[in-house]
Each structure stands twice: as C-alpha cells, then as structure tokens.
C-alpha cells in the first residue's frame, strides 16, 4: 500500500489519466452543445493509428501530430454531417463510427505493415518529454510535474482553456443554450448549427489527440485495439458530471487513479484479468450513483 502514496504513483496517475481526460473533454464539449459523441473511442483509435503512420511517412512527429488533428476534424465532420444535415440519430452514427474504426484500423494495419498486431516495423516518431526548468530539480514536486510527454501539458492547457471558454465567454453560453433547448436558442438569434459544428470539431480533435498520446507518447507504436475502452470511460465521466466540467474532471481523476492502481498491481502476482476490471468497476459504480441521483430528482418532482 505504501507504493500508492508516493510521488511516482501520482506521476503515473497523470500519465495514465491524460488520454482519459482527452476523452472526457471530447464527450463533454459535444454533449454540452446537444450532440452526444459516442464515437470518441473510434476517433481515438484512428488518431492513434494515423499518428504513427503520418509520423513514419513524413519522418516527423510534428507532422504526424498535425495529421492526427486533421483526422479528428474529418471524422467530426462526418459525425456532424449525418447528425445535423441528414438528421440521423447521433447515438447510432457514433456506434457505426466505432464499429467502422475497429475493423478498418485492422485492415489499414495489415495493408501498411503486413501485420494485424502492431506497427512495430514502421519507423514512427515519438513526441518529446518536457522537463520544466527549476521545477524538475525540486524533490517530489519535480517528480510529479516534470518529465511528462508534451501532450500531457497540452491536455492540461486545453482543459483550462475549455473551462474558460464554457464559463467565461459568450460562445460557451451559446453552447450551453444549444444543449438545453436548441429551439429557444435559435429564437434569440444563436446560430445553433454553427455552434454545434464547432463543438463537434473540438470534440473530434480532443479524441484524436487522446489517441495520439497513446501511440506517440505513452507507447511508441500502434497496436490493435490499443484504446482499450478509454473512450467509453471518458463518456462515462461526462455522463456522471453532466454539464459541470469540474465534476467531469474530478470523475476522470478517480478513473485515472483506478487505472494507476491497475498499472501498479500488474507487477504483482495477482491475476491480471481480475486487476484489469478495476477501472470498469469504478465506471459502473459511477453510473449507478448517477442513476440514483436521477431517480431521486424524478421522485422529488
């Protein structure tokens, strides 16, 4: 138990929590504007695959990251087209994109590498780690805050900017209005489709960056189904927090701690299949708590 109360464990939680936070932000910003993005898992998977492929193709991690953002935007536009233009059910479109990403990524992996397992034979690039001056030399604090991959700090900055956008800008209020009642928002002059389109594009970029973190930071390769349901965990965090970004963030933190515990216990003799269920048990508990909360609200009316 003492290993769970160390600076190294906190740093581990930050590392494993980064992709979860990207997924939570992706689900949150889309749902806030009234377009649930169930395709977070699929977009994340494509982000992880194309990040490796583009970085190998152009021999540059930065161009690979740019390609990841482009993939996130394209997939977000697909989601927006079917949900906003064709008036399809966003849940069904999201499920379709997830299924498509799961199978198509395996096919692309086979075409590009001749393997259905990993991209180990692709000369892909890895995004750098960042050592923060002065802080890196401070005991404990340096271990916790310094030395993480670049996208970890990008995630933190984006989370702060997203909170400011939602709670301190007119556009954030417009997103909330569109999510609460699109017809009422339209009646007061808010361009609902434009607001929702921007929100969905932001959602796609967040999810794709979460995938890039996995294959260009946390690991240096893409492997089949490497997202391991992280997208669904992000969706669950959004469901628990609803429109409150602080609660979404705290819930994501709880799930990240559970994931960190899994990483620590994986080094022990405990059964790995049992250990790997810990984050999903936490998700289940969170959703049960959400259900109880909603039930009490209905009873109070």
C-alpha atoms as a PDB file:
ATOM      1  CA  UNK A   1       0.000   0.000   0.000  1.00  0.00           C
ATOM      2  CA  UNK A   2       2.900   2.359   0.642  1.00  0.00           C
ATOM      3  CA  UNK A   3       3.636   2.448  -3.113  1.00  0.00           C
ATOM      4  CA  UNK A   4       0.286   4.193  -3.666  1.00  0.00           C
ATOM      5  CA  UNK A   5       1.323   7.187  -1.539  1.00  0.00           C
ATOM      6  CA  UNK A   6       4.396   8.271  -3.426  1.00  0.00           C
ATOM      7  CA  UNK A   7       5.310  10.957  -5.946  1.00  0.00           C
ATOM      8  CA  UNK A   8       5.953   8.242  -8.531  1.00  0.00           C
ATOM      9  CA  UNK A   9       2.381   6.989  -8.217  1.00  0.00           C
ATOM     10  CA  UNK A  10       0.955  10.496  -8.630  1.00  0.00           C
ATOM     11  CA  UNK A  11       3.096  10.941 -11.749  1.00  0.00           C
ATOM     12  CA  UNK A  12       1.816   7.584 -13.003  1.00  0.00           C
ATOM     13  CA  UNK A  13      -1.794   8.686 -12.464  1.00  0.00           C
ATOM     14  CA  UNK A  14      -1.114  11.820 -14.507  1.00  0.00           C
ATOM     15  CA  UNK A  15       0.360   9.744 -17.327  1.00  0.00           C
ATOM     16  CA  UNK A  16      -2.478   7.232 -17.499  1.00  0.00           C
ATOM     17  CA  UNK A  17      -5.066   9.939 -16.873  1.00  0.00           C
ATOM     18  CA  UNK A  18      -4.037  12.100 -19.846  1.00  0.00           C
ATOM     19  CA  UNK A  19      -5.846  10.060 -22.537  1.00  0.00           C
ATOM     20  CA  UNK A  20      -8.863   9.705 -20.240  1.00  0.00           C
ATOM     21  CA  UNK A  21      -9.007  13.484 -19.840  1.00  0.00           C
ATOM     22  CA  UNK A  22      -8.830  13.992 -23.594  1.00  0.00           C
ATOM     23  CA  UNK A  23     -11.763  11.584 -23.978  1.00  0.00           C
ATOM     24  CA  UNK A  24     -13.759  13.255 -21.218  1.00  0.00           C
ATOM     25  CA  UNK A  25     -13.278  16.674 -22.808  1.00  0.00           C
ATOM     26  CA  UNK A  26     -14.288  15.236 -26.169  1.00  0.00           C
ATOM     27  CA  UNK A  27     -17.519  13.784 -24.807  1.00  0.00           C
ATOM     28  CA  UNK A  28     -18.201  16.864 -22.665  1.00  0.00           C
ATOM     29  CA  UNK A  29     -17.913  19.585 -25.295  1.00  0.00           C
ATOM     30  CA  UNK A  30     -20.100  17.718 -27.794  1.00  0.00           C
ATOM     31  CA  UNK A  31     -22.778  16.830 -25.250  1.00  0.00           C
ATOM     32  CA  UNK A  32     -22.793  20.394 -23.927  1.00  0.00           C
ATOM     33  CA  UNK A  33     -23.842  21.634 -27.371  1.00  0.00           C
ATOM     34  CA  UNK A  34     -26.518  18.963 -27.704  1.00  0.00           C
ATOM     35  CA  UNK A  35     -24.744  16.448 -29.987  1.00  0.00           C
ATOM     36  CA  UNK A  36     -23.716  13.372 -27.970  1.00  0.00           C
ATOM     37  CA  UNK A  37     -20.453  11.993 -29.354  1.00  0.00           C
ATOM     38  CA  UNK A  38     -20.488   8.258 -28.813  1.00  0.00           C
ATOM     39  CA  UNK A  39     -17.719   7.885 -31.414  1.00  0.00           C
ATOM     40  CA  UNK A  40     -14.967   9.021 -29.014  1.00  0.00           C
ATOM     41  CA  UNK A  41     -13.491   5.513 -28.907  1.00  0.00           C
ATOM     42  CA  UNK A  42     -13.385   5.179 -32.695  1.00  0.00           C
ATOM     43  CA  UNK A  43     -11.913   8.643 -33.291  1.00  0.00           C
ATOM     44  CA  UNK A  44      -9.323   7.963 -30.629  1.00  0.00           C
ATOM     45  CA  UNK A  45      -8.377   4.688 -32.315  1.00  0.00           C
ATOM     46  CA  UNK A  46      -7.945   6.380 -35.690  1.00  0.00           C
ATOM     47  CA  UNK A  47      -5.915   9.148 -34.044  1.00  0.00           C
ATOM     48  CA  UNK A  48      -3.548   6.582 -32.573  1.00  0.00           C
ATOM     49  CA  UNK A  49      -3.133   4.738 -35.894  1.00  0.00           C
ATOM     50  CA  UNK A  50      -2.755   7.744 -38.180  1.00  0.00           C
ATOM     51  CA  UNK A  51      -0.396   9.470 -35.776  1.00  0.00           C
ATOM     52  CA  UNK A  52       2.047   6.594 -36.109  1.00  0.00           C
ATOM     53  CA  UNK A  53       1.511   6.310 -39.868  1.00  0.00           C
ATOM     54  CA  UNK A  54       1.906  10.012 -40.661  1.00  0.00           C
ATOM     55  CA  UNK A  55       4.947  10.369 -38.406  1.00  0.00           C
ATOM     56  CA  UNK A  56       6.594   7.444 -40.208  1.00  0.00           C
ATOM     57  CA  UNK A  57       5.521   8.691 -43.643  1.00  0.00           C
ATOM     58  CA  UNK A  58       6.898  12.210 -43.158  1.00  0.00           C
ATOM     59  CA  UNK A  59       9.676  11.259 -40.685  1.00  0.00           C
ATOM     60  CA  UNK A  60       8.368  13.894 -38.278  1.00  0.00           C
ATOM     61  CA  UNK A  61       6.439  13.578 -35.045  1.00  0.00           C
ATOM     62  CA  UNK A  62       5.102  17.114 -35.510  1.00  0.00           C
ATOM     63  CA  UNK A  63       3.661  16.385 -38.956  1.00  0.00           C
ATOM     64  CA  UNK A  64       2.250  13.181 -37.506  1.00  0.00           C
ATOM     65  CA  UNK A  65       0.527  15.204 -34.797  1.00  0.00           C
ATOM     66  CA  UNK A  66      -0.808  17.630 -37.417  1.00  0.00           C
ATOM     67  CA  UNK A  67      -2.171  14.664 -39.346  1.00  0.00           C
ATOM     68  CA  UNK A  68      -3.884  13.413 -36.189  1.00  0.00           C
ATOM     69  CA  UNK A  69      -5.667  16.745 -35.784  1.00  0.00           C
ATOM     70  CA  UNK A  70      -6.751  16.564 -39.419  1.00  0.00           C
ATOM     71  CA  UNK A  71      -8.145  13.050 -38.929  1.00  0.00           C
ATOM     72  CA  UNK A  72     -10.054  14.234 -35.859  1.00  0.00           C
ATOM     73  CA  UNK A  73     -11.575  17.115 -37.829  1.00  0.00           C
ATOM     74  CA  UNK A  74     -12.579  14.847 -40.754  1.00  0.00           C
ATOM     75  CA  UNK A  75     -14.278  12.298 -38.514  1.00  0.00           C
ATOM     76  CA  UNK A  76     -16.008  15.081 -36.584  1.00  0.00           C
ATOM     77  CA  UNK A  77     -17.317  16.480 -39.869  1.00  0.00           C
ATOM     78  CA  UNK A  78     -18.662  13.033 -40.776  1.00  0.00           C
ATOM     79  CA  UNK A  79     -20.479  12.891 -37.446  1.00  0.00           C
ATOM     80  CA  UNK A  80     -21.784  16.438 -37.900  1.00  0.00           C
ATOM     81  CA  UNK A  81     -22.959  15.766 -41.467  1.00  0.00           C
ATOM     82  CA  UNK A  82     -25.070  12.765 -40.563  1.00  0.00           C
ATOM     83  CA  UNK A  83     -26.443  14.165 -37.312  1.00  0.00           C
ATOM     84  CA  UNK A  84     -27.033  17.790 -38.312  1.00  0.00           C
ATOM     85  CA  UNK A  85     -27.572  17.650 -42.073  1.00  0.00           C
ATOM     86  CA  UNK A  86     -29.142  14.221 -42.503  1.00  0.00           C
ATOM     87  CA  UNK A  87     -30.894  14.342 -39.086  1.00  0.00           C
ATOM     88  CA  UNK A  88     -29.693  10.866 -38.141  1.00  0.00           C
ATOM     89  CA  UNK A  89     -29.604   9.655 -34.554  1.00  0.00           C
ATOM     90  CA  UNK A  90     -26.185  10.695 -33.134  1.00  0.00           C
ATOM     91  CA  UNK A  91     -26.068   7.585 -30.954  1.00  0.00           C
ATOM     92  CA  UNK A  92     -26.454   5.277 -33.949  1.00  0.00           C
ATOM     93  CA  UNK A  93     -23.925   7.246 -36.012  1.00  0.00           C
ATOM     94  CA  UNK A  94     -21.459   7.120 -33.132  1.00  0.00           C
ATOM     95  CA  UNK A  95     -21.843   3.364 -32.765  1.00  0.00           C
ATOM     96  CA  UNK A  96     -21.388   2.955 -36.532  1.00  0.00           C
ATOM     97  CA  UNK A  97     -18.184   5.006 -36.463  1.00  0.00           C
ATOM     98  CA  UNK A  98     -16.834   2.953 -33.568  1.00  0.00           C
ATOM     99  CA  UNK A  99     -17.508  -0.330 -35.368  1.00  0.00           C
ATOM    100  CA  UNK A 100     -16.021   1.060 -38.568  1.00  0.00           C
ATOM    101  CA  UNK A 101     -12.880   2.261 -36.773  1.00  0.00           C
ATOM    102  CA  UNK A 102     -12.353  -1.093 -35.050  1.00  0.00           C
ATOM    103  CA  UNK A 103     -12.426  -3.120 -38.268  1.00  0.00           C
ATOM    104  CA  UNK A 104     -10.999  -0.588 -40.726  1.00  0.00           C
ATOM    105  CA  UNK A 105      -7.994   0.113 -38.492  1.00  0.00           C
ATOM    106  CA  UNK A 106      -7.105  -3.592 -38.589  1.00  0.00           C
ATOM    107  CA  UNK A 107      -7.359  -3.592 -42.392  1.00  0.00           C
ATOM    108  CA  UNK A 108      -5.190  -0.479 -42.686  1.00  0.00           C
ATOM    109  CA  UNK A 109      -2.700  -2.010 -40.263  1.00  0.00           C
ATOM    110  CA  UNK A 110      -2.475  -5.098 -42.464  1.00  0.00           C
ATOM    111  CA  UNK A 111      -2.081  -3.044 -45.645  1.00  0.00           C
ATOM    112  CA  UNK A 112       0.585  -0.745 -44.214  1.00  0.00           C
ATOM    113  CA  UNK A 113       2.616  -3.245 -42.215  1.00  0.00           C
ATOM    114  CA  UNK A 114       1.567  -6.744 -43.261  1.00  0.00           C
ATOM    115  CA  UNK A 115       0.589  -7.410 -39.644  1.00  0.00           C
ATOM    116  CA  UNK A 116      -2.713  -7.321 -37.807  1.00  0.00           C
ATOM    117  CA  UNK A 117      -0.996  -6.763 -34.474  1.00  0.00           C
ATOM    118  CA  UNK A 118       1.267  -3.715 -34.308  1.00  0.00           C
ATOM    119  CA  UNK A 119       3.125  -1.103 -36.363  1.00  0.00           C
ATOM    120  CA  UNK A 120       6.463  -2.206 -34.916  1.00  0.00           C
ATOM    121  CA  UNK A 121       8.102  -2.287 -38.354  1.00  0.00           C
ATOM    122  CA  UNK A 122       7.115   1.317 -39.175  1.00  0.00           C
ATOM    123  CA  UNK A 123       9.817   3.924 -38.405  1.00  0.00           C
ATOM    124  CA  UNK A 124       7.380   6.090 -36.456  1.00  0.00           C
ATOM    125  CA  UNK A 125       8.408   9.053 -34.328  1.00  0.00           C
ATOM    126  CA  UNK A 126       7.648   9.866 -30.707  1.00  0.00           C
ATOM    127  CA  UNK A 127       6.679  13.223 -29.246  1.00  0.00           C
ATOM    128  CA  UNK A 128       9.210  14.552 -26.724  1.00  0.00           C
ATOM    129  CA  UNK A 129       9.002  14.712 -22.982  1.00  0.00           C
ATOM    130  CA  UNK A 130       9.231  18.106 -21.293  1.00  0.00           C
ATOM    131  CA  UNK A 131      11.442  18.878 -18.312  1.00  0.00           C
ATOM    132  CA  UNK A 132      10.202  22.046 -16.639  1.00  0.00           C
ATOM    133  CA  UNK A 133      13.104  24.318 -15.631  1.00  0.00           C
ATOM    134  CA  UNK A 134      13.602  24.831 -11.877  1.00  0.00           C
ATOM    135  CA  UNK A 135      10.615  22.600 -11.009  1.00  0.00           C
ATOM    136  CA  UNK A 136      12.374  19.446 -12.239  1.00  0.00           C
ATOM    137  CA  UNK A 137      15.036  19.836  -9.527  1.00  0.00           C
ATOM    138  CA  UNK A 138      12.548  20.186  -6.659  1.00  0.00           C
ATOM    139  CA  UNK A 139      12.118  16.909  -4.729  1.00  0.00           C
ATOM    140  CA  UNK A 140       8.670  15.289  -5.008  1.00  0.00           C
ATOM    141  CA  UNK A 141       7.170  18.218  -6.950  1.00  0.00           C
ATOM    142  CA  UNK A 142       9.648  17.729  -9.774  1.00  0.00           C
ATOM    143  CA  UNK A 143       8.805  14.029  -9.972  1.00  0.00           C
ATOM    144  CA  UNK A 144       5.084  14.779 -10.132  1.00  0.00           C
ATOM    145  CA  UNK A 145       5.011  17.747 -12.508  1.00  0.00           C
ATOM    146  CA  UNK A 146       8.081  17.447 -14.717  1.00  0.00           C
ATOM    147  CA  UNK A 147       9.205  14.910 -17.305  1.00  0.00           C
ATOM    148  CA  UNK A 148       5.821  14.098 -18.827  1.00  0.00           C
ATOM    149  CA  UNK A 149       5.121  13.813 -22.525  1.00  0.00           C
ATOM    150  CA  UNK A 150       4.273  17.011 -24.373  1.00  0.00           C
ATOM    151  CA  UNK A 151       0.630  16.075 -24.863  1.00  0.00           C
ATOM    152  CA  UNK A 152       0.160  15.836 -21.098  1.00  0.00           C
ATOM    153  CA  UNK A 153       0.862  19.556 -20.762  1.00  0.00           C
ATOM    154  CA  UNK A 154      -1.203  20.242 -23.876  1.00  0.00           C
ATOM    155  CA  UNK A 155      -4.085  18.397 -22.212  1.00  0.00           C
ATOM    156  CA  UNK A 156      -3.799  20.483 -19.050  1.00  0.00           C
ATOM    157  CA  UNK A 157      -3.704  23.734 -21.033  1.00  0.00           C
ATOM    158  CA  UNK A 158      -6.661  22.697 -23.188  1.00  0.00           C
ATOM    159  CA  UNK A 159      -8.673  21.742 -20.097  1.00  0.00           C
ATOM    160  CA  UNK A 160      -8.085  25.198 -18.597  1.00  0.00           C
ATOM    161  CA  UNK A 161      -8.947  26.911 -21.889  1.00  0.00           C
ATOM    162  CA  UNK A 162     -12.083  24.789 -22.246  1.00  0.00           C
ATOM    163  CA  UNK A 163     -13.256  25.773 -18.752  1.00  0.00           C
ATOM    164  CA  UNK A 164     -12.674  29.435 -19.581  1.00  0.00           C
ATOM    165  CA  UNK A 165     -14.483  29.032 -22.911  1.00  0.00           C
ATOM    166  CA  UNK A 166     -17.522  27.380 -21.344  1.00  0.00           C
ATOM    167  CA  UNK A 167     -17.929  29.565 -18.273  1.00  0.00           C
ATOM    168  CA  UNK A 168     -16.393  32.914 -19.232  1.00  0.00           C
ATOM    169  CA  UNK A 169     -17.245  33.555 -22.895  1.00  0.00           C
ATOM    170  CA  UNK A 170     -20.453  34.203 -24.864  1.00  0.00           C
ATOM    171  CA  UNK A 171     -19.681  31.210 -27.086  1.00  0.00           C
ATOM    172  CA  UNK A 172     -19.653  28.967 -24.028  1.00  0.00           C
ATOM    173  CA  UNK A 173     -23.063  30.272 -23.016  1.00  0.00           C
ATOM    174  CA  UNK A 174     -24.270  29.658 -26.568  1.00  0.00           C
ATOM    175  CA  UNK A 175     -23.098  26.039 -26.368  1.00  0.00           C
ATOM    176  CA  UNK A 176     -24.954  25.543 -23.105  1.00  0.00           C
ATOM    177  CA  UNK A 177     -28.075  27.128 -24.569  1.00  0.00           C
ATOM    178  CA  UNK A 178     -27.936  24.869 -27.641  1.00  0.00           C
ATOM    179  CA  UNK A 179     -27.622  21.837 -25.416  1.00  0.00           C
ATOM    180  CA  UNK A 180     -30.503  22.840 -23.166  1.00  0.00           C
ATOM    181  CA  UNK A 181     -33.006  23.909 -25.836  1.00  0.00           C
ATOM    182  CA  UNK A 182     -31.980  24.381 -29.468  1.00  0.00           C
ATOM    183  CA  UNK A 183     -35.296  25.956 -30.453  1.00  0.00           C
ATOM    184  CA  UNK A 184     -35.124  28.538 -27.676  1.00  0.00           C
ATOM    185  CA  UNK A 185     -31.502  29.300 -28.575  1.00  0.00           C
ATOM    186  CA  UNK A 186     -32.444  29.772 -32.224  1.00  0.00           C
ATOM    187  CA  UNK A 187     -35.319  32.094 -31.267  1.00  0.00           C
ATOM    188  CA  UNK A 188     -32.902  34.548 -29.617  1.00  0.00           C
ATOM    189  CA  UNK A 189     -30.561  34.660 -32.606  1.00  0.00           C
ATOM    190  CA  UNK A 190     -27.992  31.985 -31.727  1.00  0.00           C
ATOM    191  CA  UNK A 191     -26.774  30.151 -34.826  1.00  0.00           C
ATOM    192  CA  UNK A 192     -27.334  26.652 -33.442  1.00  0.00           C
ATOM    193  CA  UNK A 193     -25.833  24.698 -36.348  1.00  0.00           C
ATOM    194  CA  UNK A 194     -22.647  26.765 -36.342  1.00  0.00           C
ATOM    195  CA  UNK A 195     -22.203  26.433 -32.585  1.00  0.00           C
ATOM    196  CA  UNK A 196     -22.791  22.695 -32.714  1.00  0.00           C
ATOM    197  CA  UNK A 197     -20.443  22.239 -35.657  1.00  0.00           C
ATOM    198  CA  UNK A 198     -17.616  23.997 -33.830  1.00  0.00           C
ATOM    199  CA  UNK A 199     -18.301  21.951 -30.694  1.00  0.00           C
ATOM    200  CA  UNK A 200     -18.253  18.659 -32.624  1.00  0.00           C
ATOM    201  CA  UNK A 201     -14.992  19.616 -34.369  1.00  0.00           C
ATOM    202  CA  UNK A 202     -13.446  20.408 -30.983  1.00  0.00           C
ATOM    203  CA  UNK A 203     -14.699  17.052 -29.742  1.00  0.00           C
ATOM    204  CA  UNK A 204     -13.066  15.244 -32.660  1.00  0.00           C
ATOM    205  CA  UNK A 205      -9.737  16.982 -32.106  1.00  0.00           C
ATOM    206  CA  UNK A 206      -9.736  16.145 -28.383  1.00  0.00           C
ATOM    207  CA  UNK A 207     -10.464  12.459 -29.047  1.00  0.00           C
ATOM    208  CA  UNK A 208      -7.819  12.211 -31.791  1.00  0.00           C
ATOM    209  CA  UNK A 209      -5.199  13.819 -29.516  1.00  0.00           C
ATOM    210  CA  UNK A 210      -6.022  11.229 -26.877  1.00  0.00           C
ATOM    211  CA  UNK A 211      -5.223   8.518 -29.408  1.00  0.00           C
ATOM    212  CA  UNK A 212      -2.016  10.265 -30.461  1.00  0.00           C
ATOM    213  CA  UNK A 213      -0.897  10.333 -26.849  1.00  0.00           C
ATOM    214  CA  UNK A 214      -1.194   6.557 -26.655  1.00  0.00           C
ATOM    215  CA  UNK A 215       0.788   5.757 -29.804  1.00  0.00           C
ATOM    216  CA  UNK A 216       3.220   8.697 -29.915  1.00  0.00           C
ATOM    217  CA  UNK A 217       3.883   9.228 -26.238  1.00  0.00           C
ATOM    218  CA  UNK A 218       2.729   6.639 -23.742  1.00  0.00           C
ATOM    219  CA  UNK A 219       3.841   3.957 -26.219  1.00  0.00           C
ATOM    220  CA  UNK A 220       5.855   4.338 -29.409  1.00  0.00           C
ATOM    221  CA  UNK A 221       3.762   2.037 -31.601  1.00  0.00           C
ATOM    222  CA  UNK A 222       0.159   1.382 -32.521  1.00  0.00           C
ATOM    223  CA  UNK A 223      -1.320  -1.954 -31.515  1.00  0.00           C
ATOM    224  CA  UNK A 224      -4.692  -3.420 -32.383  1.00  0.00           C
ATOM    225  CA  UNK A 225      -7.441  -2.045 -30.119  1.00  0.00           C
ATOM    226  CA  UNK A 226      -4.893  -0.148 -28.024  1.00  0.00           C
ATOM    227  CA  UNK A 227      -7.508   2.347 -26.801  1.00  0.00           C
ATOM    228  CA  UNK A 228      -8.906  -0.415 -24.552  1.00  0.00           C
ATOM    229  CA  UNK A 229     -12.280   1.313 -23.969  1.00  0.00           C
ATOM    230  CA  UNK A 230     -10.722   4.556 -22.728  1.00  0.00           C
ATOM    231  CA  UNK A 231     -13.164   6.440 -24.932  1.00  0.00           C
ATOM    232  CA  UNK A 232     -16.092   4.825 -23.153  1.00  0.00           C
ATOM    233  CA  UNK A 233     -14.568   5.722 -19.793  1.00  0.00           C
ATOM    234  CA  UNK A 234     -14.444   9.352 -20.942  1.00  0.00           C
ATOM    235  CA  UNK A 235     -18.090   9.149 -21.996  1.00  0.00           C
ATOM    236  CA  UNK A 236     -18.948   7.716 -18.578  1.00  0.00           C
ATOM    237  CA  UNK A 237     -17.108  10.588 -16.858  1.00  0.00           C
ATOM    238  CA  UNK A 238     -19.120  13.057 -18.911  1.00  0.00           C
ATOM    239  CA  UNK A 239     -22.340  11.251 -18.037  1.00  0.00           C
ATOM    240  CA  UNK A 240     -21.554  11.467 -14.334  1.00  0.00           C
ATOM    241  CA  UNK A 241     -20.575  15.146 -14.482  1.00  0.00           C
ATOM    242  CA  UNK A 242     -23.259  16.233 -16.946  1.00  0.00           C
ATOM    243  CA  UNK A 243     -22.786  19.903 -17.773  1.00  0.00           C
ATOM    244  CA  UNK A 244     -20.461  20.560 -14.825  1.00  0.00           C
ATOM    245  CA  UNK A 245     -16.889  20.488 -16.130  1.00  0.00           C
ATOM    246  CA  UNK A 246     -15.387  20.381 -12.628  1.00  0.00           C
ATOM    247  CA  UNK A 247     -17.291  17.203 -11.761  1.00  0.00           C
ATOM    248  CA  UNK A 248     -16.316  15.705 -15.133  1.00  0.00           C
ATOM    249  CA  UNK A 249     -12.667  16.442 -14.350  1.00  0.00           C
ATOM    250  CA  UNK A 250     -12.858  15.024 -10.821  1.00  0.00           C
ATOM    251  CA  UNK A 251     -14.604  11.887 -12.081  1.00  0.00           C
ATOM    252  CA  UNK A 252     -11.892  11.456 -14.704  1.00  0.00           C
ATOM    253  CA  UNK A 253      -9.342  11.792 -11.921  1.00  0.00           C
ATOM    254  CA  UNK A 254     -10.981   8.957 -10.000  1.00  0.00           C
ATOM    255  CA  UNK A 255     -10.910   6.754 -13.089  1.00  0.00           C
ATOM    256  CA  UNK A 256      -7.241   7.709 -13.638  1.00  0.00           C
ATOM    257  CA  UNK A 257      -6.382   6.671 -10.080  1.00  0.00           C
ATOM    258  CA  UNK A 258      -8.088   3.329 -10.733  1.00  0.00           C
ATOM    259  CA  UNK A 259      -6.040   2.934 -13.919  1.00  0.00           C
ATOM    260  CA  UNK A 260      -2.887   3.787 -11.980  1.00  0.00           C
ATOM    261  CA  UNK A 261      -3.707   1.125  -9.412  1.00  0.00           C
ATOM    262  CA  UNK A 262      -4.061  -1.375 -12.252  1.00  0.00           C
ATOM    263  CA  UNK A 263      -0.618  -0.439 -13.562  1.00  0.00           C
ATOM    264  CA  UNK A 264       0.912  -0.910 -10.121  1.00  0.00           C
ATOM    265  CA  UNK A 265      -0.845  -4.192  -9.360  1.00  0.00           C
ATOM    266  CA  UNK A 266       0.105  -5.557 -12.781  1.00  0.00           C
ATOM    267  CA  UNK A 267       3.618  -6.012 -11.386  1.00  0.00           C
ATOM    268  CA  UNK A 268       2.345  -8.301  -8.632  1.00  0.00           C
ATOM    269  CA  UNK A 269       1.286 -11.942  -8.702  1.00  0.00           C
ATOM    270  CA  UNK A 270      -2.417 -11.095  -8.696  1.00  0.00           C
ATOM    271  CA  UNK A 271      -4.479 -12.352 -11.693  1.00  0.00           C
ATOM    272  CA  UNK A 272      -4.202  -9.801 -14.495  1.00  0.00           C
ATOM    273  CA  UNK A 273      -7.754 -10.395 -15.728  1.00  0.00           C
ATOM    274  CA  UNK A 274      -9.101  -9.511 -12.293  1.00  0.00           C
ATOM    275  CA  UNK A 275      -6.877  -6.451 -11.934  1.00  0.00           C
ATOM    276  CA  UNK A 276      -7.919  -5.052 -15.310  1.00  0.00           C
ATOM    277  CA  UNK A 277     -11.550  -4.888 -14.202  1.00  0.00           C
ATOM    278  CA  UNK A 278     -10.838  -2.219 -11.559  1.00  0.00           C
ATOM    279  CA  UNK A 279     -11.390   0.867 -13.806  1.00  0.00           C
ATOM    280  CA  UNK A 280     -14.597  -0.607 -15.210  1.00  0.00           C
ATOM    281  CA  UNK A 281     -15.893  -1.382 -11.735  1.00  0.00           C
ATOM    282  CA  UNK A 282     -15.280   2.283 -10.892  1.00  0.00           C
ATOM    283  CA  UNK A 283     -17.184   3.289 -14.030  1.00  0.00           C
ATOM    284  CA  UNK A 284     -20.058   1.004 -13.043  1.00  0.00           C
ATOM    285  CA  UNK A 285     -20.169   2.491  -9.543  1.00  0.00           C
ATOM    286  CA  UNK A 286     -20.170   5.994 -11.019  1.00  0.00           C
ATOM    287  CA  UNK A 287     -23.053   5.187 -13.362  1.00  0.00           C
ATOM    288  CA  UNK A 288     -25.011   3.574 -10.545  1.00  0.00           C
ATOM    289  CA  UNK A 289     -24.515   6.740  -8.495  1.00  0.00           C
ATOM    290  CA  UNK A 290     -25.701   8.802 -11.464  1.00  0.00           C
ATOM    291  CA  UNK A 291     -28.792   6.624 -11.819  1.00  0.00           C
ATOM    292  CA  UNK A 292     -29.640   7.017  -8.123  1.00  0.00           C
ATOM    293  CA  UNK A 293     -29.204  10.794  -8.418  1.00  0.00           C
ATOM    294  CA  UNK A 294     -31.523  10.986 -11.457  1.00  0.00           C
ATOM    295  CA  UNK A 295     -34.069   8.724  -9.757  1.00  0.00           C
ATOM    296  CA  UNK A 296     -34.185  10.994  -6.718  1.00  0.00           C
ATOM    297  CA  UNK A 297     -34.661  14.025  -8.959  1.00  0.00           C
ATOM    298  CA  UNK A 298     -37.644  12.399 -10.625  1.00  0.00           C
ATOM    299  CA  UNK A 299     -39.136  11.425  -7.276  1.00  0.00           C
ATOM    300  CA  UNK A 300     -38.751  14.998  -5.986  1.00  0.00           C
ATOM    301  CA  UNK A 301     -40.781  16.490  -8.852  1.00  0.00           C
END
